Amino acid sequence: MIRLNRETDYSFRVIVALSQEKKGSRLSTSRIQSEMHIPPSFLHRIIALLARNNLIRTFPGREGGVELARPPQEISLLDVYEAVEGSIQLSPCFSGETDCPMDTPCPVQKCLRRIQQSFMRELGSVNFEQIKQDACEYLT
């Protein structure tokens, strides 16, 4: 089964929460944790990971918090996915890390590569401004 891991799902939630704020607004990690139902053990690791990948900025101290590093329309699902899980590889054949008995790419590999590229294109085409708008429509 192919599915996103929990850390990726929670990372999407962090960016969604921050996307809903006005530009330059910061959220406390406790508010993100509460509103997005993210366990504290995951949240601290996710915040560090997203900050290391320049998707968010963190500010220590009482008046600190977390904010997006760039506008939500410039952050895609693919950006967050790759920050958390690394590059998408549907088959080990694509990484070159395994020995394949085939001399040339087999027909299955060619199909999987197209599917992978399509999946990446779709994830890259959805940004958090769109998700924010969809959420507003859903709530009304």
Protein backbone atom coordinates (compact mmCIF):
# COMPACT_ATOMS: atom_id res chain seq x y z
CA MET A 1 0.00 0.00 0.00
CA ILE A 2 1.28 3.44 -0.88
CA ARG A 3 0.38 6.13 1.61
CA LEU A 4 1.76 9.20 3.30
CA ASN A 5 3.34 8.67 6.67
CA ARG A 6 1.91 10.43 9.73
CA GLU A 7 4.78 12.88 9.87
CA THR A 8 3.98 14.08 6.35
CA ASP A 9 0.28 14.39 7.15
CA TYR A 10 1.08 16.41 10.28
CA SER A 11 3.49 18.57 8.28
CA PHE A 12 0.72 19.40 5.82
CA ARG A 13 -1.44 20.41 8.80
CA VAL A 14 1.27 22.75 10.14
CA ILE A 15 1.50 24.53 6.77
CA VAL A 16 -2.31 24.69 6.52
CA ALA A 17 -2.53 26.32 9.95
CA LEU A 18 0.13 28.87 9.07
CA SER A 19 -1.43 29.53 5.65
CA GLN A 20 -4.64 30.63 7.30
CA GLU A 21 -2.89 33.46 9.11
CA LYS A 22 -2.24 36.94 7.73
CA LYS A 23 1.15 37.54 6.17
CA GLY A 24 3.77 38.06 8.87
CA SER A 25 1.58 36.56 11.59
CA ARG A 26 3.07 33.98 13.89
CA LEU A 27 1.42 31.06 15.62
CA SER A 28 2.60 29.42 18.79
CA THR A 29 3.44 25.74 18.56
CA SER A 30 0.91 25.05 21.32
CA ARG A 31 -1.85 26.62 19.22
CA ILE A 32 -0.82 24.63 16.13
CA GLN A 33 -0.70 21.48 18.23
CA SER A 34 -4.16 22.09 19.66
CA GLU A 35 -5.92 23.24 16.48
CA MET A 36 -4.35 20.66 14.18
CA HIS A 37 -4.42 17.73 16.65
CA ILE A 38 -0.72 16.98 16.35
CA PRO A 39 0.99 15.05 19.16
CA PRO A 40 3.79 17.07 20.80
CA SER A 41 6.33 14.33 20.09
CA PHE A 42 5.77 14.84 16.36
CA LEU A 43 5.33 18.60 16.36
CA HIS A 44 8.78 19.59 17.58
CA ARG A 45 10.46 17.30 15.06
CA ILE A 46 8.22 18.57 12.24
CA ILE A 47 8.84 22.22 13.09
CA ALA A 48 12.60 21.62 13.00
CA LEU A 49 12.35 19.72 9.71
CA LEU A 50 10.18 22.36 8.00
CA ALA A 51 12.46 25.13 9.24
CA ARG A 52 15.58 23.29 8.03
CA ASN A 53 13.95 23.04 4.58
CA ASN A 54 13.11 26.77 4.54
CA LEU A 55 9.34 26.30 4.52
CA ILE A 56 8.83 28.01 7.87
CA ARG A 57 10.70 30.36 10.19
CA THR A 58 10.83 29.96 13.93
CA PHE A 59 11.19 32.70 16.52
CA PRO A 60 12.17 31.79 20.07
CA GLY A 61 10.90 33.38 23.23
CA ARG A 62 7.67 34.61 24.71
CA GLU A 63 6.73 36.69 21.66
CA GLY A 64 8.12 34.08 19.28
CA GLY A 65 6.27 31.49 17.28
CA VAL A 66 6.25 30.07 13.81
CA GLU A 67 5.46 31.66 10.44
CA LEU A 68 5.65 30.68 6.79
CA ALA A 69 8.98 31.41 5.14
CA ARG A 70 7.22 32.37 1.92
CA PRO A 71 3.64 32.98 0.76
CA PRO A 72 1.30 29.95 0.77
CA GLN A 73 0.90 30.12 -3.01
CA GLU A 74 4.64 29.42 -3.28
CA ILE A 75 4.54 26.25 -1.16
CA SER A 76 3.22 23.09 -2.79
CA LEU A 77 2.25 19.72 -1.40
CA LEU A 78 5.33 18.38 -3.18
CA ASP A 79 7.59 20.85 -1.34
CA VAL A 80 6.33 19.61 2.02
CA TYR A 81 6.32 15.96 0.99
CA GLU A 82 9.94 16.09 -0.16
CA ALA A 83 11.00 18.02 2.95
CA VAL A 84 9.67 15.22 5.12
CA GLU A 85 10.05 12.05 3.08
CA GLY A 86 12.65 12.90 0.46
CA SER A 87 12.20 12.35 -3.24
CA ILE A 88 9.41 10.15 -4.53
CA GLN A 89 10.59 6.78 -5.80
CA LEU A 90 7.85 4.33 -6.80
CA SER A 91 10.43 1.72 -7.76
CA PRO A 92 13.93 0.95 -6.52
CA CYS A 93 14.90 0.76 -10.21
CA PHE A 94 14.74 4.57 -10.40
CA SER A 95 17.37 5.13 -7.75
CA GLY A 96 20.01 2.89 -9.28
CA GLU A 97 20.59 1.36 -5.85
CA THR A 98 19.50 -2.12 -6.86
CA ASP A 99 20.83 -4.51 -9.44
CA CYS A 100 18.25 -5.04 -12.14
CA PRO A 101 18.66 -8.11 -14.32
CA MET A 102 17.26 -6.18 -17.29
CA ASP A 103 19.79 -4.47 -19.57
CA THR A 104 17.39 -1.73 -20.57
CA PRO A 105 14.37 -0.32 -18.79
CA CYS A 106 11.54 -2.82 -18.93
CA PRO A 107 8.00 -1.83 -19.97
CA VAL A 108 6.84 -1.87 -16.33
CA GLN A 109 9.59 0.53 -15.31
CA LYS A 110 8.64 2.90 -18.12
CA CYS A 111 4.99 2.89 -16.98
CA LEU A 112 5.92 3.39 -13.34
CA ARG A 113 8.19 6.29 -14.26
CA ARG A 114 5.28 8.00 -16.08
CA ILE A 115 3.02 7.40 -13.09
CA GLN A 116 5.65 8.79 -10.73
CA GLN A 117 6.12 11.89 -12.86
CA SER A 118 2.35 12.41 -13.01
CA PHE A 119 2.07 12.03 -9.23
CA MET A 120 4.87 14.54 -8.67
CA ARG A 121 3.33 16.96 -11.16
CA GLU A 122 -0.02 16.78 -9.35
CA LEU A 123 1.53 17.29 -5.90
CA GLY A 124 3.53 20.20 -7.29
CA SER A 125 0.45 21.80 -8.83
CA VAL A 126 -1.43 22.14 -5.53
CA ASN A 127 -0.32 25.00 -3.30
CA PHE A 128 -1.41 25.97 0.17
CA GLU A 129 -3.24 29.09 -1.00
CA GLN A 130 -5.53 26.78 -2.99
CA ILE A 131 -5.96 24.52 0.02
CA LYS A 132 -6.78 27.57 2.15
CA GLN A 133 -9.44 28.65 -0.36
CA ASP A 134 -10.88 25.13 -0.51
CA ALA A 135 -11.07 25.07 3.29
CA CYS A 136 -12.95 28.39 3.32
CA GLU A 137 -15.46 27.05 0.79
CA TYR A 138 -15.85 23.82 2.78
CA LEU A 139 -16.61 25.70 5.99
CA THR A 140 -19.25 27.95 4.43
